[in-house]
């Protein structure tokens, strides 16, 4: 896919690609009326459920008991907590868009929570967006695909997604799983009057990080690109600690006031800006040490991070990779 491509992911094409039969109701009711019905149902769901799901977490039995909760982010957008990480559920007049699928073994609990949130609209999940390949985000990808829900991921993430037994059994039964759509730099998902932008700004936690932007709500989901703890790039998947700050700088060019990270509480734009400043300080200090000729085995010992509130427990391989990227000639620090 060429850089800067713009693709409209329609509900009709997604349903067709995933072999999802459209109901007689959706075939016979005019598009405008469906849109109005969906929007009214969404509004009712927001009013009826916002307080309910802040107080009543969902408990489902599985390999281990999973406790999930849900909070209203803004009108038409919920965050589902627990199960290894945050997921986002976006309402549209034509269906639901889910961001991140949590740890393996939590598929049923997550879908149960989705049904509870959308019970007044009874809309199906039309697409799953994964922010990276880690299990806390993509652990149930095979189950979603087997259920006919298309996945969308950055092209470097796609080959790392777990295949899983569900997809294998689905294929054995003669049913093709839903497709995985891969993009390079940006992708626009339009569905039922809602637009969601998927953006990849470069190597940070991995080389396939997806930023999910909801422009009408001024909300951005950043996966593992924000953390309260020390940032930990996945060097085995093309991660880069020195490139992390530049990626955040690109995110900050977007118009948003709420950030939903892959784990933990939502944060504000100023908090995200403060995280960027800490990243810049970290890399600047590390670069200075390397330029002064500090030995590799002394880098993390001499690198001051206590005032940043971070403690790094890098393996020797992580130190090697960090030192190597700090040593690159002509490297731009910001």
C-alpha atoms as a PDB file:
ATOM      1  CA  UNK A   1       0.000   0.000   0.000  1.00  0.00           C
ATOM      2  CA  UNK A   2       1.400   3.377  -0.972  1.00  0.00           C
ATOM      3  CA  UNK A   3       2.203   5.908   1.738  1.00  0.00           C
ATOM      4  CA  UNK A   4      -0.672   8.232   2.491  1.00  0.00           C
ATOM      5  CA  UNK A   5      -3.307   5.879   1.104  1.00  0.00           C
ATOM      6  CA  UNK A   6      -6.907   6.604   2.036  1.00  0.00           C
ATOM      7  CA  UNK A   7      -9.200   3.614   2.184  1.00  0.00           C
ATOM      8  CA  UNK A   8     -12.887   3.570   3.016  1.00  0.00           C
ATOM      9  CA  UNK A   9     -13.739   0.417   4.948  1.00  0.00           C
ATOM     10  CA  UNK A  10     -17.473   0.126   4.330  1.00  0.00           C
ATOM     11  CA  UNK A  11     -19.777  -2.077   6.336  1.00  0.00           C
ATOM     12  CA  UNK A  12     -20.975  -3.773   3.164  1.00  0.00           C
ATOM     13  CA  UNK A  13     -17.483  -4.739   2.024  1.00  0.00           C
ATOM     14  CA  UNK A  14     -16.472  -5.865   5.529  1.00  0.00           C
ATOM     15  CA  UNK A  15     -19.531  -8.040   5.860  1.00  0.00           C
ATOM     16  CA  UNK A  16     -19.006  -9.543   2.443  1.00  0.00           C
ATOM     17  CA  UNK A  17     -15.314 -10.237   2.994  1.00  0.00           C
ATOM     18  CA  UNK A  18     -16.041 -11.894   6.311  1.00  0.00           C
ATOM     19  CA  UNK A  19     -19.020 -13.898   4.962  1.00  0.00           C
ATOM     20  CA  UNK A  20     -21.373 -12.121   7.357  1.00  0.00           C
ATOM     21  CA  UNK A  21     -25.011 -12.324   6.274  1.00  0.00           C
ATOM     22  CA  UNK A  22     -26.833  -9.032   6.531  1.00  0.00           C
ATOM     23  CA  UNK A  23     -30.197  -9.368   8.280  1.00  0.00           C
ATOM     24  CA  UNK A  24     -33.525  -8.903   6.400  1.00  0.00           C
ATOM     25  CA  UNK A  25     -34.072  -5.744   8.473  1.00  0.00           C
ATOM     26  CA  UNK A  26     -30.870  -4.152   7.195  1.00  0.00           C
ATOM     27  CA  UNK A  27     -31.688  -5.133   3.626  1.00  0.00           C
ATOM     28  CA  UNK A  28     -35.152  -3.605   3.626  1.00  0.00           C
ATOM     29  CA  UNK A  29     -34.924  -0.492   5.769  1.00  0.00           C
ATOM     30  CA  UNK A  30     -33.575   2.552   3.884  1.00  0.00           C
ATOM     31  CA  UNK A  31     -30.076   3.671   4.811  1.00  0.00           C
ATOM     32  CA  UNK A  32     -31.188   7.015   6.259  1.00  0.00           C
ATOM     33  CA  UNK A  33     -33.730   5.384   8.547  1.00  0.00           C
ATOM     34  CA  UNK A  34     -31.132   2.833   9.741  1.00  0.00           C
ATOM     35  CA  UNK A  35     -28.764   5.665  10.537  1.00  0.00           C
ATOM     36  CA  UNK A  36     -31.395   7.499  12.596  1.00  0.00           C
ATOM     37  CA  UNK A  37     -32.368   4.314  14.435  1.00  0.00           C
ATOM     38  CA  UNK A  38     -28.734   3.532  15.203  1.00  0.00           C
ATOM     39  CA  UNK A  39     -27.969   7.025  16.461  1.00  0.00           C
ATOM     40  CA  UNK A  40     -31.058   7.105  18.681  1.00  0.00           C
ATOM     41  CA  UNK A  41     -30.187   3.696  20.121  1.00  0.00           C
ATOM     42  CA  UNK A  42     -26.635   4.818  20.744  1.00  0.00           C
ATOM     43  CA  UNK A  43     -27.818   7.926  22.577  1.00  0.00           C
ATOM     44  CA  UNK A  44     -30.157   5.858  24.735  1.00  0.00           C
ATOM     45  CA  UNK A  45     -27.339   3.423  25.484  1.00  0.00           C
ATOM     46  CA  UNK A  46     -25.070   6.243  26.596  1.00  0.00           C
ATOM     47  CA  UNK A  47     -27.677   7.640  28.989  1.00  0.00           C
ATOM     48  CA  UNK A  48     -28.780   4.301  30.407  1.00  0.00           C
ATOM     49  CA  UNK A  49     -25.418   2.620  30.716  1.00  0.00           C
ATOM     50  CA  UNK A  50     -22.844   5.268  31.580  1.00  0.00           C
ATOM     51  CA  UNK A  51     -23.367   5.040  35.321  1.00  0.00           C
ATOM     52  CA  UNK A  52     -24.325   1.374  35.318  1.00  0.00           C
ATOM     53  CA  UNK A  53     -20.990   0.171  33.946  1.00  0.00           C
ATOM     54  CA  UNK A  54     -18.893   2.297  36.212  1.00  0.00           C
ATOM     55  CA  UNK A  55     -20.469   0.450  39.118  1.00  0.00           C
ATOM     56  CA  UNK A  56     -21.071  -3.106  37.873  1.00  0.00           C
ATOM     57  CA  UNK A  57     -18.050  -4.938  36.459  1.00  0.00           C
ATOM     58  CA  UNK A  58     -18.585  -8.057  34.385  1.00  0.00           C
ATOM     59  CA  UNK A  59     -17.339 -11.388  35.726  1.00  0.00           C
ATOM     60  CA  UNK A  60     -17.015 -14.318  33.344  1.00  0.00           C
ATOM     61  CA  UNK A  61     -15.606 -17.765  33.894  1.00  0.00           C
ATOM     62  CA  UNK A  62     -12.824 -19.034  31.676  1.00  0.00           C
ATOM     63  CA  UNK A  63      -9.305 -20.434  32.076  1.00  0.00           C
ATOM     64  CA  UNK A  64      -9.210 -17.943  34.953  1.00  0.00           C
ATOM     65  CA  UNK A  65     -11.980 -15.716  36.181  1.00  0.00           C
ATOM     66  CA  UNK A  66     -11.909 -12.432  34.276  1.00  0.00           C
ATOM     67  CA  UNK A  67     -13.301  -9.238  35.739  1.00  0.00           C
ATOM     68  CA  UNK A  68     -14.013  -6.500  33.210  1.00  0.00           C
ATOM     69  CA  UNK A  69     -15.362  -3.016  33.751  1.00  0.00           C
ATOM     70  CA  UNK A  70     -16.498  -0.248  31.436  1.00  0.00           C
ATOM     71  CA  UNK A  71     -16.448   3.542  31.571  1.00  0.00           C
ATOM     72  CA  UNK A  72     -17.843   6.170  29.257  1.00  0.00           C
ATOM     73  CA  UNK A  73     -15.032   8.140  27.594  1.00  0.00           C
ATOM     74  CA  UNK A  74     -17.242  10.448  25.542  1.00  0.00           C
ATOM     75  CA  UNK A  75     -20.596  10.080  23.817  1.00  0.00           C
ATOM     76  CA  UNK A  76     -20.531   6.890  21.745  1.00  0.00           C
ATOM     77  CA  UNK A  77     -17.155   5.709  23.061  1.00  0.00           C
ATOM     78  CA  UNK A  78     -16.473   3.342  25.976  1.00  0.00           C
ATOM     79  CA  UNK A  79     -13.284   1.953  27.469  1.00  0.00           C
ATOM     80  CA  UNK A  80     -13.448  -1.676  28.618  1.00  0.00           C
ATOM     81  CA  UNK A  81     -10.915  -2.296  31.364  1.00  0.00           C
ATOM     82  CA  UNK A  82      -9.394  -5.502  32.718  1.00  0.00           C
ATOM     83  CA  UNK A  83      -8.379  -8.670  30.936  1.00  0.00           C
ATOM     84  CA  UNK A  84      -4.800  -7.521  30.469  1.00  0.00           C
ATOM     85  CA  UNK A  85      -5.357  -4.095  28.950  1.00  0.00           C
ATOM     86  CA  UNK A  86      -7.802  -1.455  27.818  1.00  0.00           C
ATOM     87  CA  UNK A  87     -10.148  -1.927  24.886  1.00  0.00           C
ATOM     88  CA  UNK A  88     -12.257   0.773  23.258  1.00  0.00           C
ATOM     89  CA  UNK A  89     -15.769   0.333  21.886  1.00  0.00           C
ATOM     90  CA  UNK A  90     -16.990   2.919  19.346  1.00  0.00           C
ATOM     91  CA  UNK A  91     -20.659   3.062  18.393  1.00  0.00           C
ATOM     92  CA  UNK A  92     -21.748   3.833  14.837  1.00  0.00           C
ATOM     93  CA  UNK A  93     -25.157   3.649  13.187  1.00  0.00           C
ATOM     94  CA  UNK A  94     -24.086   0.515  11.303  1.00  0.00           C
ATOM     95  CA  UNK A  95     -22.163  -1.412  13.939  1.00  0.00           C
ATOM     96  CA  UNK A  96     -19.460  -1.382  16.582  1.00  0.00           C
ATOM     97  CA  UNK A  97     -15.738  -0.791  16.195  1.00  0.00           C
ATOM     98  CA  UNK A  98     -13.516  -2.447  18.783  1.00  0.00           C
ATOM     99  CA  UNK A  99      -9.933  -1.418  19.548  1.00  0.00           C
ATOM    100  CA  UNK A 100      -7.743  -4.188  21.025  1.00  0.00           C
ATOM    101  CA  UNK A 101      -8.857  -7.679  22.002  1.00  0.00           C
ATOM    102  CA  UNK A 102      -7.164  -8.331  25.370  1.00  0.00           C
ATOM    103  CA  UNK A 103      -5.303 -11.396  26.660  1.00  0.00           C
ATOM    104  CA  UNK A 104      -5.915 -14.941  25.385  1.00  0.00           C
ATOM    105  CA  UNK A 105      -8.831 -16.632  27.096  1.00  0.00           C
ATOM    106  CA  UNK A 106     -10.841 -13.433  27.610  1.00  0.00           C
ATOM    107  CA  UNK A 107     -12.770 -13.434  24.324  1.00  0.00           C
ATOM    108  CA  UNK A 108     -16.091 -14.566  25.817  1.00  0.00           C
ATOM    109  CA  UNK A 109     -15.852 -12.138  28.726  1.00  0.00           C
ATOM    110  CA  UNK A 110     -15.066  -9.257  26.388  1.00  0.00           C
ATOM    111  CA  UNK A 111     -17.904 -10.041  24.000  1.00  0.00           C
ATOM    112  CA  UNK A 112     -20.246 -10.411  26.963  1.00  0.00           C
ATOM    113  CA  UNK A 113     -19.259  -6.929  28.098  1.00  0.00           C
ATOM    114  CA  UNK A 114     -19.740  -5.584  24.570  1.00  0.00           C
ATOM    115  CA  UNK A 115     -23.256  -7.013  24.458  1.00  0.00           C
ATOM    116  CA  UNK A 116     -24.087  -5.443  27.820  1.00  0.00           C
ATOM    117  CA  UNK A 117     -22.888  -2.026  26.717  1.00  0.00           C
ATOM    118  CA  UNK A 118     -24.726  -2.192  23.391  1.00  0.00           C
ATOM    119  CA  UNK A 119     -27.842  -4.004  24.646  1.00  0.00           C
ATOM    120  CA  UNK A 120     -30.214  -1.177  23.678  1.00  0.00           C
ATOM    121  CA  UNK A 121     -28.877  -0.926  20.137  1.00  0.00           C
ATOM    122  CA  UNK A 122     -28.055  -4.630  19.589  1.00  0.00           C
ATOM    123  CA  UNK A 123     -25.365  -3.720  17.067  1.00  0.00           C
ATOM    124  CA  UNK A 124     -22.730  -6.264  15.953  1.00  0.00           C
ATOM    125  CA  UNK A 125     -18.967  -5.763  16.114  1.00  0.00           C
ATOM    126  CA  UNK A 126     -17.878  -4.959  12.555  1.00  0.00           C
ATOM    127  CA  UNK A 127     -14.104  -4.573  12.972  1.00  0.00           C
ATOM    128  CA  UNK A 128     -11.275  -5.135  15.467  1.00  0.00           C
ATOM    129  CA  UNK A 129      -8.303  -2.753  15.408  1.00  0.00           C
ATOM    130  CA  UNK A 130      -5.125  -3.944  17.153  1.00  0.00           C
ATOM    131  CA  UNK A 131      -2.577  -1.362  18.305  1.00  0.00           C
ATOM    132  CA  UNK A 132       0.275  -3.905  18.276  1.00  0.00           C
ATOM    133  CA  UNK A 133       0.863  -7.666  18.347  1.00  0.00           C
ATOM    134  CA  UNK A 134       1.363  -8.090  22.085  1.00  0.00           C
ATOM    135  CA  UNK A 135      -0.964 -10.536  23.822  1.00  0.00           C
ATOM    136  CA  UNK A 136      -2.619  -7.856  25.946  1.00  0.00           C
ATOM    137  CA  UNK A 137      -3.904  -6.276  22.721  1.00  0.00           C
ATOM    138  CA  UNK A 138      -4.131  -9.125  20.224  1.00  0.00           C
ATOM    139  CA  UNK A 139      -4.418 -12.282  22.307  1.00  0.00           C
ATOM    140  CA  UNK A 140      -7.870 -13.169  20.950  1.00  0.00           C
ATOM    141  CA  UNK A 141      -7.309 -12.168  17.330  1.00  0.00           C
ATOM    142  CA  UNK A 142      -7.940 -15.691  16.068  1.00  0.00           C
ATOM    143  CA  UNK A 143     -11.262 -15.888  17.893  1.00  0.00           C
ATOM    144  CA  UNK A 144     -12.427 -12.588  16.432  1.00  0.00           C
ATOM    145  CA  UNK A 145     -11.407 -13.676  12.929  1.00  0.00           C
ATOM    146  CA  UNK A 146     -13.140 -17.029  13.399  1.00  0.00           C
ATOM    147  CA  UNK A 147     -16.297 -15.146  14.415  1.00  0.00           C
ATOM    148  CA  UNK A 148     -16.223 -13.283  11.102  1.00  0.00           C
ATOM    149  CA  UNK A 149     -14.894  -9.986  12.478  1.00  0.00           C
ATOM    150  CA  UNK A 150     -12.195  -8.444  10.235  1.00  0.00           C
ATOM    151  CA  UNK A 151      -8.967  -7.302  11.861  1.00  0.00           C
ATOM    152  CA  UNK A 152      -7.053  -4.133  10.984  1.00  0.00           C
ATOM    153  CA  UNK A 153      -3.363  -3.776  11.843  1.00  0.00           C
ATOM    154  CA  UNK A 154      -0.200  -2.043  10.712  1.00  0.00           C
ATOM    155  CA  UNK A 155       1.610  -4.123   8.094  1.00  0.00           C
ATOM    156  CA  UNK A 156       4.535  -4.983  10.420  1.00  0.00           C
ATOM    157  CA  UNK A 157       2.110  -6.215  13.062  1.00  0.00           C
ATOM    158  CA  UNK A 158       0.056  -8.470  10.783  1.00  0.00           C
ATOM    159  CA  UNK A 159       2.558 -11.365  10.464  1.00  0.00           C
ATOM    160  CA  UNK A 160       3.082 -11.392  14.243  1.00  0.00           C
ATOM    161  CA  UNK A 161      -0.589 -11.819  15.134  1.00  0.00           C
ATOM    162  CA  UNK A 162      -1.304 -15.163  16.815  1.00  0.00           C
ATOM    163  CA  UNK A 163      -2.950 -17.746  14.583  1.00  0.00           C
ATOM    164  CA  UNK A 164      -4.427 -19.786  17.435  1.00  0.00           C
ATOM    165  CA  UNK A 165      -6.470 -22.936  17.649  1.00  0.00           C
ATOM    166  CA  UNK A 166      -9.747 -21.162  16.888  1.00  0.00           C
ATOM    167  CA  UNK A 167      -8.614 -20.158  13.409  1.00  0.00           C
ATOM    168  CA  UNK A 168      -7.249 -23.652  12.781  1.00  0.00           C
ATOM    169  CA  UNK A 169     -10.503 -25.347  13.783  1.00  0.00           C
ATOM    170  CA  UNK A 170     -12.456 -22.816  11.741  1.00  0.00           C
ATOM    171  CA  UNK A 171     -10.373 -23.597   8.652  1.00  0.00           C
ATOM    172  CA  UNK A 172     -10.704 -27.337   9.288  1.00  0.00           C
ATOM    173  CA  UNK A 173     -14.477 -26.927   9.317  1.00  0.00           C
ATOM    174  CA  UNK A 174     -14.302 -25.364   5.867  1.00  0.00           C
ATOM    175  CA  UNK A 175     -14.970 -21.811   7.013  1.00  0.00           C
ATOM    176  CA  UNK A 176     -12.535 -19.123   6.020  1.00  0.00           C
ATOM    177  CA  UNK A 177     -11.729 -16.689   8.852  1.00  0.00           C
ATOM    178  CA  UNK A 178     -12.369 -13.005   8.348  1.00  0.00           C
ATOM    179  CA  UNK A 179      -9.515 -11.159   6.621  1.00  0.00           C
ATOM    180  CA  UNK A 180      -6.830  -9.051   8.272  1.00  0.00           C
ATOM    181  CA  UNK A 181      -6.456  -5.663   6.603  1.00  0.00           C
ATOM    182  CA  UNK A 182      -2.909  -4.279   6.741  1.00  0.00           C
ATOM    183  CA  UNK A 183      -1.933  -0.661   6.182  1.00  0.00           C
ATOM    184  CA  UNK A 184       1.432   1.088   5.953  1.00  0.00           C
ATOM    185  CA  UNK A 185       1.173   4.637   7.320  1.00  0.00           C
ATOM    186  CA  UNK A 186      -2.475   5.636   7.612  1.00  0.00           C
ATOM    187  CA  UNK A 187      -5.927   4.199   7.136  1.00  0.00           C
ATOM    188  CA  UNK A 188      -9.403   5.691   7.409  1.00  0.00           C
ATOM    189  CA  UNK A 189     -12.244   3.533   8.646  1.00  0.00           C
ATOM    190  CA  UNK A 190     -15.670   5.001   7.854  1.00  0.00           C
ATOM    191  CA  UNK A 191     -18.747   3.299   9.183  1.00  0.00           C
ATOM    192  CA  UNK A 192     -22.288   4.475   9.907  1.00  0.00           C
ATOM    193  CA  UNK A 193     -21.461   8.170  10.016  1.00  0.00           C
ATOM    194  CA  UNK A 194     -18.320   7.667  12.114  1.00  0.00           C
ATOM    195  CA  UNK A 195     -14.702   8.121  11.018  1.00  0.00           C
ATOM    196  CA  UNK A 196     -11.753   6.489  12.775  1.00  0.00           C
ATOM    197  CA  UNK A 197      -8.173   7.206  11.695  1.00  0.00           C
ATOM    198  CA  UNK A 198      -5.372   4.677  12.095  1.00  0.00           C
ATOM    199  CA  UNK A 199      -1.885   6.178  12.072  1.00  0.00           C
ATOM    200  CA  UNK A 200       1.643   4.761  12.202  1.00  0.00           C
ATOM    201  CA  UNK A 201       4.341   7.337  12.939  1.00  0.00           C
ATOM    202  CA  UNK A 202       7.436   5.135  13.160  1.00  0.00           C
ATOM    203  CA  UNK A 203       9.284   2.811  15.512  1.00  0.00           C
ATOM    204  CA  UNK A 204       8.643   3.199  19.240  1.00  0.00           C
ATOM    205  CA  UNK A 205       7.346   0.351  21.393  1.00  0.00           C
ATOM    206  CA  UNK A 206       7.421  -1.783  18.216  1.00  0.00           C
ATOM    207  CA  UNK A 207       7.768  -1.123  14.495  1.00  0.00           C
ATOM    208  CA  UNK A 208       4.023  -1.687  14.058  1.00  0.00           C
ATOM    209  CA  UNK A 209       2.388   0.612  16.617  1.00  0.00           C
ATOM    210  CA  UNK A 210      -1.045   1.907  15.620  1.00  0.00           C
ATOM    211  CA  UNK A 211      -2.431   5.163  16.964  1.00  0.00           C
ATOM    212  CA  UNK A 212      -6.251   5.228  16.798  1.00  0.00           C
ATOM    213  CA  UNK A 213      -7.691   8.725  16.449  1.00  0.00           C
ATOM    214  CA  UNK A 214     -11.358   9.666  16.876  1.00  0.00           C
ATOM    215  CA  UNK A 215     -11.345  13.190  15.394  1.00  0.00           C
ATOM    216  CA  UNK A 216     -14.973  14.066  16.143  1.00  0.00           C
ATOM    217  CA  UNK A 217     -14.502  13.201  19.821  1.00  0.00           C
ATOM    218  CA  UNK A 218     -10.936  14.539  20.165  1.00  0.00           C
ATOM    219  CA  UNK A 219      -9.816  11.234  21.673  1.00  0.00           C
ATOM    220  CA  UNK A 220      -6.699   9.256  20.795  1.00  0.00           C
ATOM    221  CA  UNK A 221      -5.890   5.647  21.760  1.00  0.00           C
ATOM    222  CA  UNK A 222      -2.137   5.051  21.886  1.00  0.00           C
ATOM    223  CA  UNK A 223      -1.713   1.443  23.014  1.00  0.00           C
ATOM    224  CA  UNK A 224       1.660   0.943  24.696  1.00  0.00           C
ATOM    225  CA  UNK A 225       3.012   4.321  23.557  1.00  0.00           C
ATOM    226  CA  UNK A 226       2.112   5.792  26.950  1.00  0.00           C
ATOM    227  CA  UNK A 227       3.011   4.179  30.238  1.00  0.00           C
ATOM    228  CA  UNK A 228       3.245   5.288  33.844  1.00  0.00           C
ATOM    229  CA  UNK A 229       6.151   2.920  34.358  1.00  0.00           C
ATOM    230  CA  UNK A 230       9.456   3.089  32.512  1.00  0.00           C
ATOM    231  CA  UNK A 231       8.968   2.730  28.737  1.00  0.00           C
ATOM    232  CA  UNK A 232      10.160  -0.620  27.450  1.00  0.00           C
ATOM    233  CA  UNK A 233      10.650  -0.984  23.707  1.00  0.00           C
ATOM    234  CA  UNK A 234      10.222  -4.433  22.198  1.00  0.00           C
ATOM    235  CA  UNK A 235      13.539  -4.580  20.372  1.00  0.00           C
ATOM    236  CA  UNK A 236      12.708  -8.031  18.996  1.00  0.00           C
ATOM    237  CA  UNK A 237       9.828  -6.362  17.124  1.00  0.00           C
ATOM    238  CA  UNK A 238      11.705  -3.322  15.859  1.00  0.00           C
ATOM    239  CA  UNK A 239      11.146  -1.134  18.922  1.00  0.00           C
ATOM    240  CA  UNK A 240      13.186   2.004  19.502  1.00  0.00           C
ATOM    241  CA  UNK A 241      13.626   4.022  22.665  1.00  0.00           C
ATOM    242  CA  UNK A 242      15.352   6.838  20.785  1.00  0.00           C
ATOM    243  CA  UNK A 243      12.526   7.028  18.244  1.00  0.00           C
ATOM    244  CA  UNK A 244       9.753   7.006  20.829  1.00  0.00           C
ATOM    245  CA  UNK A 245       9.805  10.757  21.480  1.00  0.00           C
ATOM    246  CA  UNK A 246       9.553  11.555  17.770  1.00  0.00           C
ATOM    247  CA  UNK A 247       6.471   9.364  17.493  1.00  0.00           C
ATOM    248  CA  UNK A 248       4.843  11.173  20.417  1.00  0.00           C
ATOM    249  CA  UNK A 249       5.702  14.499  18.790  1.00  0.00           C
ATOM    250  CA  UNK A 250       3.679  13.442  15.737  1.00  0.00           C
ATOM    251  CA  UNK A 251       0.739  12.371  17.894  1.00  0.00           C
ATOM    252  CA  UNK A 252       0.772  15.775  19.578  1.00  0.00           C
ATOM    253  CA  UNK A 253       0.082  17.398  16.211  1.00  0.00           C
ATOM    254  CA  UNK A 254      -3.426  15.896  16.380  1.00  0.00           C
ATOM    255  CA  UNK A 255      -6.335  17.772  17.962  1.00  0.00           C
ATOM    256  CA  UNK A 256      -7.269  15.810  21.098  1.00  0.00           C
ATOM    257  CA  UNK A 257      -7.891  16.304  24.802  1.00  0.00           C
ATOM    258  CA  UNK A 258      -8.187  12.706  26.050  1.00  0.00           C
ATOM    259  CA  UNK A 259      -5.593   9.932  25.718  1.00  0.00           C
ATOM    260  CA  UNK A 260      -6.512   6.281  26.313  1.00  0.00           C
ATOM    261  CA  UNK A 261      -3.392   4.172  26.920  1.00  0.00           C
ATOM    262  CA  UNK A 262      -3.146   0.419  26.526  1.00  0.00           C
ATOM    263  CA  UNK A 263      -3.116   0.005  30.296  1.00  0.00           C
ATOM    264  CA  UNK A 264      -4.213   2.164  33.191  1.00  0.00           C
ATOM    265  CA  UNK A 265      -6.311   5.287  33.474  1.00  0.00           C
ATOM    266  CA  UNK A 266      -7.104   7.804  30.775  1.00  0.00           C
ATOM    267  CA  UNK A 267      -4.817  10.842  30.737  1.00  0.00           C
ATOM    268  CA  UNK A 268      -5.074  14.422  29.530  1.00  0.00           C
ATOM    269  CA  UNK A 269      -3.119  16.117  26.784  1.00  0.00           C
ATOM    270  CA  UNK A 270      -0.879  17.954  29.302  1.00  0.00           C
ATOM    271  CA  UNK A 271      -0.030  14.620  30.953  1.00  0.00           C
ATOM    272  CA  UNK A 272       0.878  13.180  27.559  1.00  0.00           C
ATOM    273  CA  UNK A 273       3.045  16.221  26.851  1.00  0.00           C
ATOM    274  CA  UNK A 274       4.782  15.693  30.203  1.00  0.00           C
ATOM    275  CA  UNK A 275       5.510  12.086  29.213  1.00  0.00           C
ATOM    276  CA  UNK A 276       7.076  13.347  25.973  1.00  0.00           C
ATOM    277  CA  UNK A 277       9.282  15.761  27.957  1.00  0.00           C
ATOM    278  CA  UNK A 278      10.490  12.914  30.187  1.00  0.00           C
ATOM    279  CA  UNK A 279      11.304  10.792  27.136  1.00  0.00           C
ATOM    280  CA  UNK A 280      13.360  13.649  25.682  1.00  0.00           C
ATOM    281  CA  UNK A 281      15.272  14.084  28.943  1.00  0.00           C
ATOM    282  CA  UNK A 282      15.976  10.354  29.155  1.00  0.00           C
ATOM    283  CA  UNK A 283      17.320  10.077  25.616  1.00  0.00           C
ATOM    284  CA  UNK A 284      19.295  13.313  25.910  1.00  0.00           C
ATOM    285  CA  UNK A 285      21.033  12.096  29.068  1.00  0.00           C
ATOM    286  CA  UNK A 286      21.770   8.683  27.583  1.00  0.00           C
ATOM    287  CA  UNK A 287      23.112  10.239  24.391  1.00  0.00           C
ATOM    288  CA  UNK A 288      25.402  12.505  26.388  1.00  0.00           C
ATOM    289  CA  UNK A 289      26.830   9.552  28.307  1.00  0.00           C
ATOM    290  CA  UNK A 290      27.527   7.581  25.135  1.00  0.00           C
ATOM    291  CA  UNK A 291      29.184  10.573  23.489  1.00  0.00           C
ATOM    292  CA  UNK A 292      31.434  10.895  26.526  1.00  0.00           C
ATOM    293  CA  UNK A 293      32.578   7.320  25.917  1.00  0.00           C
ATOM    294  CA  UNK A 294      30.880   5.541  28.806  1.00  0.00           C
ATOM    295  CA  UNK A 295      31.210   1.757  28.676  1.00  0.00           C
ATOM    296  CA  UNK A 296      28.129  -0.172  27.654  1.00  0.00           C
ATOM    297  CA  UNK A 297      27.907  -2.052  30.944  1.00  0.00           C
ATOM    298  CA  UNK A 298      27.884   1.257  32.831  1.00  0.00           C
ATOM    299  CA  UNK A 299      25.195   2.995  30.770  1.00  0.00           C
ATOM    300  CA  UNK A 300      22.113   2.066  32.806  1.00  0.00           C
ATOM    301  CA  UNK A 301      24.037   2.438  36.072  1.00  0.00           C
ATOM    302  CA  UNK A 302      25.107   5.987  35.287  1.00  0.00           C
ATOM    303  CA  UNK A 303      21.874   7.042  33.594  1.00  0.00           C
ATOM    304  CA  UNK A 304      19.891   9.191  36.043  1.00  0.00           C
ATOM    305  CA  UNK A 305      16.172   8.335  36.013  1.00  0.00           C
ATOM    306  CA  UNK A 306      15.008   8.640  39.617  1.00  0.00           C
ATOM    307  CA  UNK A 307      13.751  12.193  39.084  1.00  0.00           C
ATOM    308  CA  UNK A 308      11.699  10.901  36.140  1.00  0.00           C
ATOM    309  CA  UNK A 309       9.998   8.314  38.339  1.00  0.00           C
ATOM    310  CA  UNK A 310      11.297   5.465  36.176  1.00  0.00           C
ATOM    311  CA  UNK A 311      13.367   2.416  36.987  1.00  0.00           C
ATOM    312  CA  UNK A 312      14.740   0.334  34.131  1.00  0.00           C
ATOM    313  CA  UNK A 313      15.387  -3.391  34.449  1.00  0.00           C
ATOM    314  CA  UNK A 314      16.863  -3.943  31.010  1.00  0.00           C
ATOM    315  CA  UNK A 315      18.318  -7.289  30.056  1.00  0.00           C
ATOM    316  CA  UNK A 316      21.833  -7.345  28.628  1.00  0.00           C
ATOM    317  CA  UNK A 317      20.312  -7.657  25.142  1.00  0.00           C
ATOM    318  CA  UNK A 318      18.126  -4.597  25.682  1.00  0.00           C
ATOM    319  CA  UNK A 319      21.150  -2.625  26.895  1.00  0.00           C
ATOM    320  CA  UNK A 320      23.052  -3.704  23.771  1.00  0.00           C
ATOM    321  CA  UNK A 321      20.248  -2.505  21.511  1.00  0.00           C
ATOM    322  CA  UNK A 322      19.753   0.767  23.384  1.00  0.00           C
ATOM    323  CA  UNK A 323      23.479   1.497  23.328  1.00  0.00           C
ATOM    324  CA  UNK A 324      23.627   0.679  19.621  1.00  0.00           C
ATOM    325  CA  UNK A 325      20.850   3.072  18.681  1.00  0.00           C
ATOM    326  CA  UNK A 326      22.369   5.800  20.851  1.00  0.00           C
ATOM    327  CA  UNK A 327      25.655   5.331  18.998  1.00  0.00           C
ATOM    328  CA  UNK A 328      24.270   5.792  15.505  1.00  0.00           C
ATOM    329  CA  UNK A 329      26.101   8.649  13.715  1.00  0.00           C
ATOM    330  CA  UNK A 330      24.061  11.751  12.953  1.00  0.00           C
ATOM    331  CA  UNK A 331      21.139  10.550  15.051  1.00  0.00           C
ATOM    332  CA  UNK A 332      18.407  13.150  15.565  1.00  0.00           C
ATOM    333  CA  UNK A 333      17.376  13.234  19.233  1.00  0.00           C
ATOM    334  CA  UNK A 334      14.054  15.038  18.817  1.00  0.00           C
END
